[in-house]
Amino acid sequence: MVDGRRRGNGRREYFKNVAEAETRADQLAVERENHGTASLNFPARDRVMTAECRELLRPWDRTIRDATEHYVGFLKAEAIKSQSPLIRDCVQQFLTSRERDVERGELAKRTLTETRHFTKHLMAAVGGLRIAEFDVDVVTTFLDSFPVSARTRLNIRLRLSKFFSFCRSKKWIATNPCADIQIKVRRGEVTILSVEDTEQLLRAAEASQFRNAMAPYVACCLFGGLRPHEAQQLKWEQINFETATIHVLAHTSKRRESRYVHIEPALMTWLRPYVQRSGNVAGTNFRYQWRSVVEAAGYGENRSWPQDVMRHTAASMLLALKRNRALVAEELGTSVNVLRRHYRQPILKADAALFWALRPTALV
């Protein structure tokens, strides 16, 4: 064993034989002699500086070595930052990766569109920064720049976190800065349409010049519980009137899982008059057509359209009809816990009966 400890530096080293140990001991002796010579040749200015630095560190109970190692670590970190890629370049690779996910059917086109919209804001705000500079403080400042609700800020944080996870997988950063940022969202009451509002929306769809697309679209959302983007991408070929089921395909589903939705008698009566052999149920030019129906139903500047209100209405009415939370969650393509937290709204039996009795004008 060779004891290389000296004033707290060095360590004990062990060898298989005496010859190796003696060789190592001679090396240490030479190193110590060289250190002594270097100390003697230490310039007077540096000796004064060393004494001053030692006094500055004394209140903190730290040595000059501690300070040097800390600063060297800082310099290494700065060097890594200066060599990390720009955020705009990271974003381009991230979008390319998302596009490939869409091609493989692992990501919905709608999600890719939302990602592109989000990354435009990101590049406009911090595109010139390097990814290693995007720390918790920068993330917080970026999130605070959006004058939106806590729920929307949470959604932005989630998208940003996915971007950072991608960057981490590329080893551009060591940690995801979003992991330390929490945004509290107050849970509000679930908003659903009353029976009167439901009928007004259905009649507006019936009376629309785009009734062939809008009436079955609204019916699928209200009586089948399909998410808006699921109903927009639904094709008539996915509706089986013999088995009374709608096949929601995995690539159109939020959870990337296919499922079958039972066609209740009310939904059947709303789909029959508009059935076609093929094509999208919601037709084409959806945004314009849907906006005209919503406005005709009484929603506009003075009365905003509640987000996800048709799905919330369907969930509440299906629970009132079936009294089976697990079954309803399965058909809606969600979990029982999410159904309990976000879709639960007590419904009077009389209102549920009126809701499920709504029929097209021709049958009333």
Protein backbone atom coordinates (compact mmCIF):
# COMPACT_ATOMS: atom_id res chain seq x y z
CA MET A 1 0.00 0.00 0.00
CA VAL A 2 1.21 3.51 -0.85
CA ASP A 3 -0.19 6.33 1.29
CA GLY A 4 -0.45 9.32 -1.03
CA ARG A 5 -2.43 11.50 1.40
CA ARG A 6 -0.97 14.90 2.08
CA ARG A 7 -2.84 17.78 3.70
CA GLY A 8 -6.12 16.18 2.80
CA ASN A 9 -5.19 15.52 -0.84
CA GLY A 10 -4.32 12.19 -2.47
CA ARG A 11 -5.40 8.74 -1.36
CA ARG A 12 -4.21 5.29 -0.40
CA GLU A 13 -3.34 3.06 -3.34
CA TYR A 14 -2.95 -0.73 -3.29
CA PHE A 15 -0.75 -2.88 -5.56
CA LYS A 16 -0.17 -6.58 -6.22
CA ASN A 17 3.55 -6.49 -5.43
CA VAL A 18 6.22 -4.37 -3.78
CA ALA A 19 7.89 -3.38 -7.07
CA GLU A 20 4.75 -1.68 -8.39
CA ALA A 21 4.23 0.02 -5.05
CA GLU A 22 7.79 1.35 -4.97
CA THR A 23 7.46 2.69 -8.52
CA ARG A 24 4.30 4.57 -7.56
CA ALA A 25 5.93 5.90 -4.41
CA ASP A 26 8.83 7.29 -6.45
CA GLN A 27 6.35 9.00 -8.81
CA LEU A 28 4.58 10.65 -5.88
CA ALA A 29 7.91 11.79 -4.46
CA VAL A 30 8.82 13.47 -7.75
CA GLU A 31 5.40 15.13 -7.94
CA ARG A 32 5.77 16.51 -4.40
CA GLU A 33 9.22 17.84 -5.18
CA ASN A 34 7.91 19.54 -8.32
CA HIS A 35 5.03 21.06 -6.35
CA GLY A 36 7.52 22.41 -3.83
CA THR A 37 9.64 23.97 -6.57
CA ALA A 38 6.53 25.48 -8.15
CA SER A 39 5.57 26.98 -4.78
CA LEU A 40 8.99 28.59 -4.43
CA ASN A 41 8.65 30.10 -7.91
CA PHE A 42 5.11 31.36 -7.15
CA PRO A 43 5.07 35.13 -8.04
CA ALA A 44 4.66 37.54 -5.12
CA ARG A 45 1.54 39.04 -6.72
CA ASP A 46 -0.10 35.59 -6.87
CA ARG A 47 0.86 34.87 -3.23
CA VAL A 48 -0.81 38.13 -2.16
CA MET A 49 -3.89 37.28 -4.24
CA THR A 50 -4.05 33.82 -2.70
CA ALA A 51 -3.96 35.28 0.81
CA GLU A 52 -6.72 37.79 -0.06
CA CYS A 53 -8.93 35.07 -1.58
CA ARG A 54 -8.42 32.84 1.43
CA GLU A 55 -9.63 35.65 3.71
CA LEU A 56 -12.67 36.25 1.50
CA LEU A 57 -13.58 32.56 1.74
CA ARG A 58 -12.96 32.22 5.48
CA PRO A 59 -16.51 33.38 6.60
CA TRP A 60 -17.96 30.69 4.33
CA ASP A 61 -15.64 27.97 5.59
CA ARG A 62 -14.47 27.21 2.07
CA THR A 63 -10.99 26.75 0.66
CA ILE A 64 -9.35 28.18 -2.44
CA ARG A 65 -9.61 24.72 -3.96
CA ASP A 66 -13.37 24.70 -3.32
CA ALA A 67 -13.73 28.05 -5.04
CA THR A 68 -11.57 26.99 -7.98
CA GLU A 69 -13.45 23.73 -8.53
CA HIS A 70 -16.78 25.56 -8.36
CA TYR A 71 -15.68 28.15 -10.93
CA VAL A 72 -14.21 25.52 -13.24
CA GLY A 73 -17.56 23.71 -13.12
CA PHE A 74 -19.31 26.97 -14.01
CA LEU A 75 -16.96 27.53 -16.97
CA LYS A 76 -17.58 23.99 -18.22
CA ALA A 77 -21.34 24.53 -18.01
CA GLU A 78 -21.04 27.81 -19.94
CA ALA A 79 -18.96 26.07 -22.59
CA ILE A 80 -21.66 23.40 -22.97
CA LYS A 81 -24.33 26.11 -23.28
CA SER A 82 -22.39 27.94 -25.97
CA GLN A 83 -22.15 24.74 -28.00
CA SER A 84 -25.80 23.63 -27.63
CA PRO A 85 -28.13 24.05 -30.67
CA LEU A 86 -30.44 27.03 -31.12
CA ILE A 87 -34.07 26.56 -30.14
CA ARG A 88 -35.22 27.29 -33.69
CA ASP A 89 -33.10 24.38 -34.94
CA CYS A 90 -34.42 22.09 -32.20
CA VAL A 91 -37.99 23.04 -33.13
CA GLN A 92 -37.43 22.10 -36.77
CA GLN A 93 -36.20 18.65 -35.80
CA PHE A 94 -39.06 18.28 -33.32
CA LEU A 95 -41.65 19.09 -36.02
CA THR A 96 -40.01 16.65 -38.41
CA SER A 97 -40.27 13.96 -35.76
CA ARG A 98 -43.97 14.80 -35.18
CA GLU A 99 -44.66 14.63 -38.93
CA ARG A 100 -43.18 11.13 -39.04
CA ASP A 101 -45.41 10.16 -36.11
CA VAL A 102 -48.42 11.26 -38.17
CA GLU A 103 -47.25 9.22 -41.16
CA ARG A 104 -46.97 6.13 -38.91
CA GLY A 105 -50.46 6.75 -37.51
CA GLU A 106 -49.09 7.42 -34.02
CA LEU A 107 -50.18 11.06 -33.89
CA ALA A 108 -53.37 12.81 -34.98
CA LYS A 109 -53.12 15.46 -37.70
CA ARG A 110 -55.02 17.81 -35.41
CA THR A 111 -52.31 17.46 -32.76
CA LEU A 112 -49.62 18.22 -35.34
CA THR A 113 -51.49 21.37 -36.38
CA GLU A 114 -51.70 22.50 -32.75
CA THR A 115 -47.99 21.75 -32.30
CA ARG A 116 -47.06 23.86 -35.32
CA HIS A 117 -49.16 26.75 -34.01
CA PHE A 118 -47.52 26.51 -30.58
CA THR A 119 -43.96 26.32 -31.92
CA LYS A 120 -44.50 29.50 -33.97
CA HIS A 121 -45.00 31.39 -30.70
CA LEU A 122 -42.00 29.62 -29.19
CA MET A 123 -39.64 30.56 -32.03
CA ALA A 124 -40.92 34.13 -32.14
CA ALA A 125 -40.24 34.56 -28.42
CA VAL A 126 -37.00 32.64 -27.82
CA GLY A 127 -35.92 31.13 -31.14
CA GLY A 128 -32.51 32.82 -30.91
CA LEU A 129 -31.66 31.29 -27.54
CA ARG A 130 -29.70 28.10 -27.17
CA ILE A 131 -31.64 25.16 -25.78
CA ALA A 132 -29.32 24.83 -22.77
CA GLU A 133 -30.20 28.43 -21.78
CA PHE A 134 -33.92 27.63 -21.58
CA ASP A 135 -34.08 27.06 -17.83
CA VAL A 136 -36.94 27.23 -15.32
CA ASP A 137 -36.84 31.05 -15.13
CA VAL A 138 -37.07 31.43 -18.91
CA VAL A 139 -39.90 28.89 -19.08
CA THR A 140 -41.81 30.72 -16.35
CA THR A 141 -41.37 34.06 -18.13
CA PHE A 142 -42.53 32.50 -21.41
CA LEU A 143 -45.66 31.02 -19.82
CA ASP A 144 -46.47 34.27 -18.02
CA SER A 145 -46.37 36.11 -21.37
CA PHE A 146 -49.67 34.48 -22.38
CA PRO A 147 -52.71 36.46 -21.09
CA VAL A 148 -54.85 33.33 -20.85
CA SER A 149 -56.57 31.20 -18.24
CA ALA A 150 -54.73 28.79 -15.95
CA ARG A 151 -56.16 25.85 -17.91
CA THR A 152 -54.74 27.20 -21.19
CA ARG A 153 -51.38 27.94 -19.56
CA LEU A 154 -51.34 24.36 -18.28
CA ASN A 155 -51.96 23.09 -21.82
CA ILE A 156 -49.10 25.26 -23.11
CA ARG A 157 -46.82 23.87 -20.38
CA LEU A 158 -47.73 20.32 -21.42
CA ARG A 159 -46.84 21.02 -25.07
CA LEU A 160 -43.60 22.69 -23.99
CA SER A 161 -42.77 19.70 -21.79
CA LYS A 162 -43.15 17.34 -24.76
CA PHE A 163 -40.73 19.52 -26.72
CA PHE A 164 -38.20 19.39 -23.88
CA SER A 165 -38.61 15.62 -23.56
CA PHE A 166 -37.69 15.35 -27.23
CA CYS A 167 -34.65 17.59 -26.67
CA ARG A 168 -33.60 15.48 -23.72
CA SER A 169 -33.85 12.31 -25.82
CA LYS A 170 -31.42 13.99 -28.22
CA LYS A 171 -29.10 14.73 -25.24
CA TRP A 172 -29.23 18.48 -25.92
CA ILE A 173 -30.30 19.04 -22.30
CA ALA A 174 -29.89 17.00 -19.13
CA THR A 175 -33.26 17.73 -17.51
CA ASN A 176 -36.73 18.91 -18.48
CA PRO A 177 -37.19 22.41 -16.94
CA CYS A 178 -40.98 22.03 -17.05
CA ALA A 179 -40.77 19.28 -14.42
CA ASP A 180 -40.37 21.89 -11.66
CA ILE A 181 -43.23 24.13 -12.82
CA GLN A 182 -46.69 23.52 -11.42
CA ILE A 183 -49.82 25.36 -12.57
CA LYS A 184 -52.92 25.04 -10.40
CA VAL A 185 -56.25 24.99 -12.21
CA ARG A 186 -59.40 25.57 -10.23
CA ARG A 187 -61.96 22.91 -10.98
CA GLY A 188 -65.14 24.54 -12.16
CA GLU A 189 -68.63 23.19 -12.58
CA VAL A 190 -69.27 21.06 -15.64
CA THR A 191 -71.26 23.01 -18.23
CA ILE A 192 -73.91 21.17 -20.25
CA LEU A 193 -76.69 22.21 -22.58
CA SER A 194 -80.21 22.31 -21.25
CA VAL A 195 -82.85 20.34 -23.13
CA GLU A 196 -84.10 23.61 -24.63
CA ASP A 197 -80.60 24.63 -25.77
CA THR A 198 -80.03 21.14 -27.17
CA GLU A 199 -83.20 21.28 -29.22
CA GLN A 200 -82.37 24.80 -30.44
CA LEU A 201 -78.97 23.59 -31.65
CA LEU A 202 -80.48 20.55 -33.39
CA ARG A 203 -83.16 22.67 -35.09
CA ALA A 204 -80.49 25.14 -36.25
CA ALA A 205 -78.55 22.26 -37.80
CA GLU A 206 -81.74 20.96 -39.47
CA ALA A 207 -82.60 24.39 -40.87
CA SER A 208 -79.08 25.05 -42.13
CA GLN A 209 -78.27 24.92 -45.83
CA PHE A 210 -75.54 22.51 -44.71
CA ARG A 211 -78.01 20.23 -42.93
CA ASN A 212 -76.76 17.07 -44.68
CA ALA A 213 -73.44 17.43 -42.85
CA MET A 214 -74.29 19.47 -39.75
CA ALA A 215 -77.35 17.54 -38.53
CA PRO A 216 -75.59 14.14 -38.35
CA TYR A 217 -72.43 15.79 -36.94
CA VAL A 218 -74.32 17.45 -34.09
CA ALA A 219 -76.29 14.25 -33.45
CA CYS A 220 -73.11 12.15 -33.17
CA CYS A 221 -71.68 14.60 -30.63
CA LEU A 222 -74.87 14.99 -28.57
CA PHE A 223 -76.27 11.46 -28.61
CA GLY A 224 -73.07 9.45 -29.21
CA GLY A 225 -70.59 11.44 -27.11
CA LEU A 226 -67.97 11.63 -29.87
CA ARG A 227 -65.30 14.27 -29.42
CA PRO A 228 -65.60 17.12 -31.97
CA HIS A 229 -62.46 16.07 -33.88
CA GLU A 230 -63.62 12.42 -33.84
CA ALA A 231 -66.98 13.39 -35.34
CA GLN A 232 -65.28 15.65 -37.91
CA GLN A 233 -63.18 12.71 -39.17
CA LEU A 234 -65.97 10.12 -38.95
CA LYS A 235 -66.89 8.45 -42.23
CA TRP A 236 -70.23 6.90 -43.11
CA GLU A 237 -68.44 3.58 -43.71
CA GLN A 238 -67.66 3.46 -39.96
CA ILE A 239 -71.37 3.51 -39.06
CA ASN A 240 -72.98 0.09 -39.01
CA PHE A 241 -76.76 0.38 -38.85
CA GLU A 242 -77.21 -3.41 -38.63
CA THR A 243 -75.17 -3.72 -35.44
CA ALA A 244 -76.10 -0.21 -34.27
CA THR A 245 -72.46 0.75 -33.68
CA ILE A 246 -70.04 3.49 -34.67
CA HIS A 247 -66.41 2.46 -35.06
CA VAL A 248 -64.14 5.27 -33.85
CA LEU A 249 -60.73 4.64 -35.40
CA ALA A 250 -57.55 4.82 -33.33
CA HIS A 251 -55.87 7.53 -35.41
CA THR A 252 -58.83 9.88 -34.85
CA SER A 253 -59.11 9.16 -31.12
CA LYS A 254 -57.44 11.27 -28.44
CA ARG A 255 -56.17 8.14 -26.67
CA ARG A 256 -55.00 6.51 -29.92
CA GLU A 257 -57.30 3.55 -29.28
CA SER A 258 -60.20 2.38 -31.42
CA ARG A 259 -63.58 1.82 -29.80
CA TYR A 260 -67.22 1.07 -30.62
CA VAL A 261 -70.02 3.44 -29.67
CA HIS A 262 -73.56 2.09 -29.36
CA ILE A 263 -76.09 3.96 -31.49
CA GLU A 264 -78.98 4.83 -29.20
CA PRO A 265 -82.48 4.98 -30.79
CA ALA A 266 -82.40 8.80 -30.69
CA LEU A 267 -79.12 8.90 -32.63
CA MET A 268 -80.40 6.33 -35.10
CA THR A 269 -83.39 8.49 -36.00
CA TRP A 270 -81.12 11.51 -36.55
CA LEU A 271 -78.68 9.64 -38.79
CA ARG A 272 -81.14 7.76 -41.02
CA PRO A 273 -82.42 10.75 -43.05
CA TYR A 274 -78.88 11.81 -43.99
CA VAL A 275 -77.12 8.47 -44.55
CA GLN A 276 -74.71 8.19 -47.46
CA ARG A 277 -72.67 5.32 -48.81
CA SER A 278 -69.30 6.97 -48.18
CA GLY A 279 -67.53 10.19 -47.32
CA ASN A 280 -67.14 12.30 -44.20
CA VAL A 281 -70.24 12.61 -42.04
CA ALA A 282 -69.36 16.26 -41.33
CA GLY A 283 -68.72 17.00 -45.00
CA THR A 284 -66.11 19.54 -46.13
CA ASN A 285 -65.42 23.18 -45.24
CA PHE A 286 -66.37 22.28 -41.69
CA ARG A 287 -65.33 25.46 -39.84
CA TYR A 288 -67.51 27.81 -41.86
CA GLN A 289 -70.53 25.50 -41.79
CA TRP A 290 -70.24 24.84 -38.04
CA ARG A 291 -69.86 28.53 -37.23
CA SER A 292 -73.06 29.33 -39.13
CA VAL A 293 -74.99 26.71 -37.14
CA VAL A 294 -73.65 27.91 -33.77
CA GLU A 295 -74.58 31.49 -34.60
CA ALA A 296 -78.05 30.41 -35.73
CA ALA A 297 -78.46 28.64 -32.38
CA GLY A 298 -77.91 31.92 -30.54
CA TYR A 299 -74.19 31.89 -29.78
CA GLY A 300 -72.04 34.84 -30.77
CA GLU A 301 -70.49 37.97 -29.28
CA ASN A 302 -72.90 38.18 -26.35
CA ARG A 303 -73.04 34.46 -25.65
CA SER A 304 -69.92 32.37 -26.11
CA TRP A 305 -69.97 28.70 -27.05
CA PRO A 306 -68.81 26.62 -24.04
CA GLN A 307 -65.82 24.39 -24.77
CA ASP A 308 -66.63 20.65 -25.05
CA VAL A 309 -70.23 21.36 -24.05
CA MET A 310 -71.74 18.76 -26.44
CA ARG A 311 -69.50 15.99 -25.09
CA HIS A 312 -70.23 17.00 -21.50
CA THR A 313 -73.95 16.99 -22.29
CA ALA A 314 -73.75 13.56 -23.91
CA ALA A 315 -71.77 12.10 -20.99
CA SER A 316 -74.22 13.40 -18.40
CA MET A 317 -77.24 12.21 -20.37
CA LEU A 318 -75.68 8.78 -21.04
CA LEU A 319 -74.99 8.37 -17.34
CA ALA A 320 -78.61 9.26 -16.60
CA LEU A 321 -79.76 6.73 -19.21
CA LYS A 322 -77.45 3.76 -18.51
CA ARG A 323 -76.52 4.22 -14.84
CA ASN A 324 -73.26 2.45 -15.54
CA ARG A 325 -70.17 4.65 -15.26
CA ALA A 326 -67.73 2.00 -16.55
CA LEU A 327 -69.85 1.30 -19.65
CA VAL A 328 -70.26 5.00 -20.43
CA ALA A 329 -66.52 5.63 -19.94
CA GLU A 330 -65.72 2.80 -22.36
CA GLU A 331 -68.03 4.20 -25.06
CA LEU A 332 -66.72 7.73 -24.56
CA GLY A 333 -63.12 6.56 -24.80
CA THR A 334 -62.08 7.90 -21.40
CA SER A 335 -61.45 6.60 -17.87
CA VAL A 336 -63.92 6.28 -15.02
CA ASN A 337 -61.91 8.77 -12.94
CA VAL A 338 -61.91 11.38 -15.71
CA LEU A 339 -65.62 10.80 -16.20
CA ARG A 340 -66.20 11.36 -12.51
CA ARG A 341 -64.11 14.53 -12.34
CA HIS A 342 -65.03 16.28 -15.59
CA TYR A 343 -68.28 14.90 -16.99
CA ARG A 344 -70.47 14.30 -13.98
CA GLN A 345 -73.58 16.47 -13.84
CA PRO A 346 -76.73 15.31 -12.03
CA ILE A 347 -79.68 15.10 -14.41
CA LEU A 348 -83.36 14.97 -13.52
CA LYS A 349 -85.13 11.91 -14.92
CA ALA A 350 -87.70 14.15 -16.57
CA ASP A 351 -84.97 16.15 -18.38
CA ALA A 352 -83.16 12.98 -19.46
CA ALA A 353 -86.43 11.60 -20.86
CA LEU A 354 -87.04 14.81 -22.83
CA PHE A 355 -83.46 14.80 -24.14
CA TRP A 356 -83.59 11.23 -25.43
CA ALA A 357 -87.03 11.87 -26.94
CA LEU A 358 -85.75 14.63 -29.26
CA ARG A 359 -86.40 13.68 -32.89
CA PRO A 360 -85.91 15.27 -36.33
CA THR A 361 -88.63 17.69 -37.36
CA ALA A 362 -90.03 15.26 -39.94
CA LEU A 363 -90.73 12.77 -37.17
CA VAL A 364 -92.10 15.21 -34.57
